[in-house]
Amino acid sequence: MSKHLKYFRSSFGLTLLALPAIVFIFIFSYVPLYGLVLPFKEYNFEKGFLHSPWIGLTNFEFLFNSDLLHIIRNTVVMNALFISINVIVEVAVALLLFELGKRATKVYQTVLFLPFFISWIVVSYAVFGFLDSDTGIVNKLLAAFGMDPVMFYNSPGYWPLILVVAHVWKFLGYGTLMYYAALMGIDAEYYEAARLDGATRFQQAWHISIPLIRPIIIIMVVLSIGNIFYSDFGLFYSVTQDNALLYPTTDVIDTYVYRALRQLGDFGMSSAAGLFQSICGFIVVVLSNYAIGKISKEDKLF
């Protein structure tokens, strides 16, 4: 009996336990791969996938003949801001929760997690209530102090900061929960030894907590980097209310493709954009993992 067959038989129970997840991934991740022919075809509903005519790279001209560099810059820069600021804030909040009692932690976790379930449509109305030039809370406060109102929806320069704040607020609870769970897995003896040596709370967090959850931080960052060419459509489309005046800083690949395809209705072009984003994301993940391996081989994902 071969070595691989013996290993399979010895771990058959675990394989059976993972079978639902394997089937799920196969159906929803591998079976749809036949759709990769769409970017290279002029899709026709009557002829279907197989019989629609091949047109080569024509669908990609839709992307590369447009202002692609500007759109990619917005997408990558905004996602880089989301990733970096989210990690810093989420780790900091997780460390603060770790210092609290369990009862208080449950309350704070619930409060922090609630925004994750709120639709971007609802958030867009809340943001409008704060930033509207006539009735917004921010401009009302500015007027109360004798200051001129700020035309937020006419000024694209403010929106990178606004979108970062909205993104951090919405996803803070989810990310914090991941890091807090990692902190709970640290052996308490490390902290007891540090306290005996006279380490402060900050020193314990800096020299024990953060180094021990570093693998989780790296995994979360690398997974996020894989989607750096994808943007949260609801955030960039709904919160900005698709305002053309804000396009210089808020127009990303997803919103640009949506607006273009809403007028053209071409599935081939949409698929070409998705394939372009996937290939770029894959390349970035591989390069990121390679860079991590150069710094610390133990923290590489593959």
Protein backbone atom coordinates (compact mmCIF):
# COMPACT_ATOMS: atom_id res chain seq x y z
CA MET A 1 0.00 0.00 0.00
CA SER A 2 1.41 3.36 -1.02
CA LYS A 3 2.34 6.03 1.49
CA HIS A 4 -0.32 8.45 0.20
CA LEU A 5 -3.08 5.82 0.40
CA LYS A 6 -2.13 4.96 3.99
CA TYR A 7 -2.24 8.65 4.91
CA PHE A 8 -5.64 9.04 3.26
CA ARG A 9 -7.07 6.06 5.15
CA SER A 10 -5.67 7.26 8.47
CA SER A 11 -7.16 10.74 7.97
CA PHE A 12 -10.42 9.63 6.34
CA GLY A 13 -12.49 10.99 9.22
CA LEU A 14 -11.00 14.48 8.87
CA THR A 15 -11.46 14.34 5.09
CA LEU A 16 -15.11 13.41 5.55
CA LEU A 17 -15.52 16.28 7.99
CA ALA A 18 -14.08 18.71 5.41
CA LEU A 19 -16.12 17.24 2.54
CA PRO A 20 -18.94 19.86 2.62
CA ALA A 21 -16.38 22.69 2.38
CA ILE A 22 -14.53 20.87 -0.42
CA VAL A 23 -17.76 20.42 -2.39
CA PHE A 24 -18.74 24.06 -1.79
CA ILE A 25 -15.37 25.35 -3.03
CA PHE A 26 -15.47 23.03 -6.05
CA ILE A 27 -18.97 24.13 -7.10
CA PHE A 28 -18.57 27.85 -6.54
CA SER A 29 -14.84 28.36 -7.24
CA TYR A 30 -13.79 25.76 -9.82
CA VAL A 31 -16.91 25.00 -11.86
CA PRO A 32 -17.41 28.71 -12.80
CA LEU A 33 -13.89 28.78 -14.31
CA TYR A 34 -15.42 27.89 -17.68
CA GLY A 35 -16.60 31.51 -17.72
CA LEU A 36 -13.00 32.59 -18.37
CA VAL A 37 -13.77 32.24 -22.08
CA LEU A 38 -16.12 35.23 -21.86
CA PRO A 39 -13.40 37.95 -21.90
CA PHE A 40 -12.27 36.62 -25.27
CA LYS A 41 -15.70 36.32 -26.90
CA GLU A 42 -18.48 38.57 -28.12
CA TYR A 43 -21.13 37.00 -25.96
CA ASN A 44 -24.49 36.31 -27.58
CA PHE A 45 -27.44 35.09 -25.49
CA GLU A 46 -28.82 32.95 -28.31
CA LYS A 47 -25.50 31.27 -29.16
CA GLY A 48 -24.34 30.80 -25.56
CA PHE A 49 -20.81 30.39 -24.20
CA LEU A 50 -19.55 27.80 -26.63
CA HIS A 51 -20.88 29.18 -29.90
CA SER A 52 -20.38 32.93 -29.36
CA PRO A 53 -17.67 34.24 -31.73
CA TRP A 54 -14.08 34.66 -30.54
CA ILE A 55 -12.79 38.23 -30.70
CA GLY A 56 -9.38 37.88 -29.03
CA LEU A 57 -8.31 40.79 -26.82
CA THR A 58 -10.89 43.26 -28.15
CA ASN A 59 -12.78 43.36 -24.84
CA PHE A 60 -9.63 44.44 -23.03
CA GLU A 61 -9.35 47.50 -25.28
CA PHE A 62 -12.32 48.85 -23.32
CA LEU A 63 -10.07 49.08 -20.27
CA PHE A 64 -6.75 50.04 -21.84
CA ASN A 65 -8.23 52.69 -24.14
CA SER A 66 -9.81 54.45 -21.17
CA ASP A 67 -8.16 56.51 -18.46
CA LEU A 68 -6.95 53.26 -16.91
CA LEU A 69 -3.92 54.58 -15.03
CA HIS A 70 -6.00 57.18 -13.19
CA ILE A 71 -8.61 54.60 -12.21
CA ILE A 72 -6.03 52.01 -11.12
CA ARG A 73 -4.24 54.66 -9.07
CA ASN A 74 -7.43 55.53 -7.21
CA THR A 75 -8.23 51.85 -6.64
CA VAL A 76 -4.79 50.86 -5.37
CA VAL A 77 -4.18 53.99 -3.27
CA MET A 78 -7.55 53.84 -1.55
CA ASN A 79 -7.26 50.10 -0.84
CA ALA A 80 -3.72 50.59 0.46
CA LEU A 81 -5.06 53.24 2.85
CA PHE A 82 -7.87 50.92 3.95
CA ILE A 83 -5.49 48.01 4.59
CA SER A 84 -2.83 49.96 6.48
CA ILE A 85 -5.15 52.09 8.61
CA ASN A 86 -7.55 49.22 9.32
CA VAL A 87 -4.74 47.00 10.58
CA ILE A 88 -3.35 49.71 12.89
CA VAL A 89 -6.75 50.65 14.32
CA GLU A 90 -8.02 47.07 14.64
CA VAL A 91 -4.90 45.82 16.40
CA ALA A 92 -4.95 48.83 18.75
CA VAL A 93 -8.62 48.30 19.63
CA ALA A 94 -8.06 44.54 20.08
CA LEU A 95 -5.23 45.28 22.52
CA LEU A 96 -7.47 47.68 24.45
CA LEU A 97 -10.27 45.10 24.64
CA PHE A 98 -7.75 42.51 25.80
CA GLU A 99 -7.04 44.68 28.83
CA LEU A 100 -10.72 44.85 29.83
CA GLY A 101 -12.78 42.37 31.76
CA LYS A 102 -14.74 39.72 29.85
CA ARG A 103 -18.14 41.28 30.60
CA ALA A 104 -17.11 44.72 29.36
CA THR A 105 -15.42 43.16 26.33
CA LYS A 106 -18.66 41.48 25.22
CA VAL A 107 -20.50 44.80 25.36
CA TYR A 108 -17.83 46.66 23.38
CA GLN A 109 -17.52 43.85 20.83
CA THR A 110 -21.26 43.98 20.17
CA VAL A 111 -21.22 47.76 19.76
CA LEU A 112 -18.22 47.63 17.43
CA PHE A 113 -19.66 44.80 15.35
CA LEU A 114 -23.06 46.39 14.67
CA PRO A 115 -21.88 48.68 11.80
CA PHE A 116 -20.72 45.59 9.88
CA PHE A 117 -24.37 44.66 9.30
CA ILE A 118 -25.48 48.12 8.14
CA SER A 119 -25.96 48.55 4.40
CA TRP A 120 -23.85 51.10 2.53
CA ILE A 121 -27.13 52.63 1.34
CA VAL A 122 -28.02 53.46 4.94
CA VAL A 123 -24.49 54.70 5.58
CA SER A 124 -24.71 56.97 2.53
CA TYR A 125 -27.76 58.73 3.98
CA ALA A 126 -26.01 59.11 7.33
CA VAL A 127 -22.94 60.59 5.64
CA PHE A 128 -25.18 62.96 3.66
CA GLY A 129 -26.81 64.02 6.92
CA PHE A 130 -23.40 64.99 8.26
CA LEU A 131 -21.89 66.58 5.15
CA ASP A 132 -24.74 68.23 3.22
CA SER A 133 -23.89 71.87 2.47
CA ASP A 134 -27.28 73.21 3.62
CA THR A 135 -28.59 70.92 6.36
CA GLY A 136 -25.53 68.83 7.29
CA ILE A 137 -24.50 68.64 10.93
CA VAL A 138 -20.87 69.56 10.17
CA ASN A 139 -21.81 72.75 8.33
CA LYS A 140 -24.34 73.66 11.00
CA LEU A 141 -21.53 73.49 13.57
CA LEU A 142 -19.24 75.53 11.35
CA ALA A 143 -21.97 78.16 10.96
CA ALA A 144 -22.44 78.27 14.73
CA PHE A 145 -18.77 79.25 15.08
CA GLY A 146 -19.04 81.85 12.33
CA MET A 147 -17.19 79.81 9.72
CA ASP A 148 -18.10 79.37 6.05
CA PRO A 149 -19.78 76.10 5.02
CA VAL A 150 -17.73 73.46 3.24
CA MET A 151 -19.07 72.09 -0.05
CA PHE A 152 -18.07 68.48 0.55
CA TYR A 153 -19.96 67.08 -2.43
CA ASN A 154 -18.21 69.53 -4.74
CA SER A 155 -14.69 68.98 -3.37
CA PRO A 156 -13.00 65.66 -4.25
CA GLY A 157 -10.00 66.39 -2.02
CA TYR A 158 -11.95 65.64 1.17
CA TRP A 159 -13.21 62.24 0.09
CA PRO A 160 -10.19 59.98 0.57
CA LEU A 161 -10.32 60.83 4.28
CA ILE A 162 -14.13 60.53 4.43
CA LEU A 163 -14.11 57.12 2.74
CA VAL A 164 -11.31 55.84 4.98
CA VAL A 165 -13.24 56.89 8.09
CA ALA A 166 -16.43 55.23 6.80
CA HIS A 167 -14.57 52.02 5.90
CA VAL A 168 -12.76 51.80 9.24
CA TRP A 169 -16.00 52.45 11.14
CA LYS A 170 -17.89 49.74 9.27
CA PHE A 171 -15.28 46.97 9.41
CA LEU A 172 -13.66 47.76 12.76
CA GLY A 173 -15.65 45.16 14.68
CA TYR A 174 -14.91 42.32 12.26
CA GLY A 175 -11.15 42.90 12.17
CA THR A 176 -10.92 43.54 15.89
CA LEU A 177 -12.63 40.23 16.61
CA MET A 178 -10.00 38.34 14.57
CA TYR A 179 -7.08 39.91 16.43
CA TYR A 180 -8.79 39.64 19.81
CA ALA A 181 -9.30 35.91 19.26
CA ALA A 182 -5.58 35.59 18.47
CA LEU A 183 -4.69 37.48 21.66
CA MET A 184 -6.88 35.15 23.71
CA GLY A 185 -4.77 32.23 22.48
CA ILE A 186 -1.53 33.61 24.00
CA ASP A 187 -0.26 31.75 27.05
CA ALA A 188 -0.87 33.84 30.19
CA GLU A 189 2.51 32.80 31.59
CA TYR A 190 4.23 35.24 29.22
CA TYR A 191 2.40 38.16 30.83
CA GLU A 192 2.97 36.86 34.36
CA ALA A 193 6.71 36.64 33.73
CA ALA A 194 6.73 40.13 32.22
CA ARG A 195 4.87 41.60 35.20
CA LEU A 196 7.37 39.99 37.57
CA ASP A 197 10.13 41.71 35.62
CA GLY A 198 8.34 45.03 36.03
CA ALA A 199 7.04 45.45 32.46
CA THR A 200 4.29 48.01 31.98
CA ARG A 201 1.07 47.29 30.07
CA PHE A 202 2.47 49.07 27.02
CA GLN A 203 5.70 47.06 27.16
CA GLN A 204 3.73 43.82 27.45
CA ALA A 205 1.67 44.74 24.41
CA TRP A 206 4.70 45.83 22.38
CA HIS A 207 7.05 42.96 23.25
CA ILE A 208 4.59 40.08 23.78
CA SER A 209 1.14 40.64 22.27
CA ILE A 210 2.09 42.16 18.91
CA PRO A 211 4.98 39.76 18.13
CA LEU A 212 2.85 36.71 18.97
CA ILE A 213 -0.08 37.77 16.78
CA ARG A 214 2.22 38.84 13.93
CA PRO A 215 1.41 35.71 11.85
CA ILE A 216 -2.31 36.54 12.01
CA ILE A 217 -1.60 40.15 11.05
CA ILE A 218 0.46 39.00 8.06
CA ILE A 219 -2.23 36.55 6.92
CA MET A 220 -4.94 39.22 7.12
CA VAL A 221 -2.79 41.77 5.26
CA VAL A 222 -1.81 39.35 2.48
CA LEU A 223 -5.44 38.27 2.02
CA SER A 224 -6.45 41.92 1.81
CA ILE A 225 -3.67 42.66 -0.67
CA GLY A 226 -5.12 39.95 -2.92
CA ASN A 227 -8.18 42.17 -3.35
CA ILE A 228 -6.28 45.42 -3.74
CA PHE A 229 -7.49 45.79 -7.35
CA TYR A 230 -11.09 45.25 -6.23
CA SER A 231 -12.99 47.98 -4.46
CA ASP A 232 -16.02 47.99 -2.22
CA PHE A 233 -18.63 49.01 -4.80
CA GLY A 234 -21.21 50.09 -2.22
CA LEU A 235 -18.74 52.40 -0.52
CA PHE A 236 -17.48 54.12 -3.67
CA TYR A 237 -20.81 54.26 -5.47
CA SER A 238 -23.43 54.78 -2.77
CA VAL A 239 -21.59 56.89 -0.19
CA THR A 240 -20.34 59.30 -2.87
CA GLN A 241 -23.79 59.17 -4.51
CA ASP A 242 -22.04 58.62 -7.86
CA ASN A 243 -21.24 62.33 -7.94
CA ALA A 244 -19.27 63.15 -11.10
CA LEU A 245 -17.51 66.03 -9.33
CA LEU A 246 -15.83 63.53 -7.01
CA TYR A 247 -14.50 61.19 -9.73
CA PRO A 248 -10.90 62.53 -9.60
CA THR A 249 -10.40 60.81 -6.21
CA THR A 250 -13.27 58.31 -5.92
CA ASP A 251 -13.61 56.72 -9.36
CA VAL A 252 -12.29 53.13 -9.14
CA ILE A 253 -12.29 50.15 -11.49
CA ASP A 254 -15.59 48.71 -10.24
CA THR A 255 -17.57 51.94 -10.46
CA TYR A 256 -16.09 52.85 -13.84
CA VAL A 257 -16.93 49.43 -15.31
CA TYR A 258 -20.43 49.55 -13.81
CA ARG A 259 -21.22 52.93 -15.35
CA ALA A 260 -19.82 51.90 -18.70
CA LEU A 261 -21.63 48.56 -18.80
CA ARG A 262 -24.88 50.09 -17.60
CA GLN A 263 -24.90 51.89 -20.92
CA LEU A 264 -23.37 49.15 -23.13
CA GLY A 265 -24.59 45.95 -21.43
CA ASP A 266 -21.58 43.99 -22.73
CA PHE A 267 -20.83 40.88 -20.62
CA GLY A 268 -17.53 40.33 -22.38
CA MET A 269 -16.19 43.69 -21.27
CA SER A 270 -17.32 43.08 -17.70
CA SER A 271 -15.60 39.69 -17.67
CA ALA A 272 -12.42 41.23 -19.10
CA ALA A 273 -12.33 43.72 -16.23
CA GLY A 274 -12.83 40.94 -13.68
CA LEU A 275 -10.06 38.81 -15.23
CA PHE A 276 -7.70 41.80 -15.24
CA GLN A 277 -8.37 42.44 -11.54
CA SER A 278 -7.88 38.76 -10.65
CA ILE A 279 -4.56 38.47 -12.50
CA CYS A 280 -3.24 41.68 -10.93
CA GLY A 281 -4.37 40.55 -7.47
CA PHE A 282 -2.66 37.17 -7.91
CA ILE A 283 0.60 38.82 -8.96
CA VAL A 284 0.50 41.20 -5.98
CA VAL A 285 -0.13 38.32 -3.53
CA VAL A 286 2.80 36.30 -4.92
CA LEU A 287 5.11 39.32 -4.75
CA SER A 288 3.95 40.17 -1.22
CA ASN A 289 4.54 36.62 -0.03
CA TYR A 290 8.00 36.65 -1.67
CA ALA A 291 8.87 39.93 0.09
CA ILE A 292 7.70 38.54 3.44
CA GLY A 293 9.84 35.45 2.88
CA LYS A 294 12.88 37.64 2.34
CA ILE A 295 12.26 39.36 5.67
CA SER A 296 11.19 36.31 7.69
CA LYS A 297 10.91 32.82 6.18
CA GLU A 298 8.78 31.65 9.11
CA ASP A 299 5.97 34.07 8.23
CA LYS A 300 5.59 33.07 4.56
CA LEU A 301 2.16 31.75 3.63
CA PHE A 302 3.41 29.43 0.88
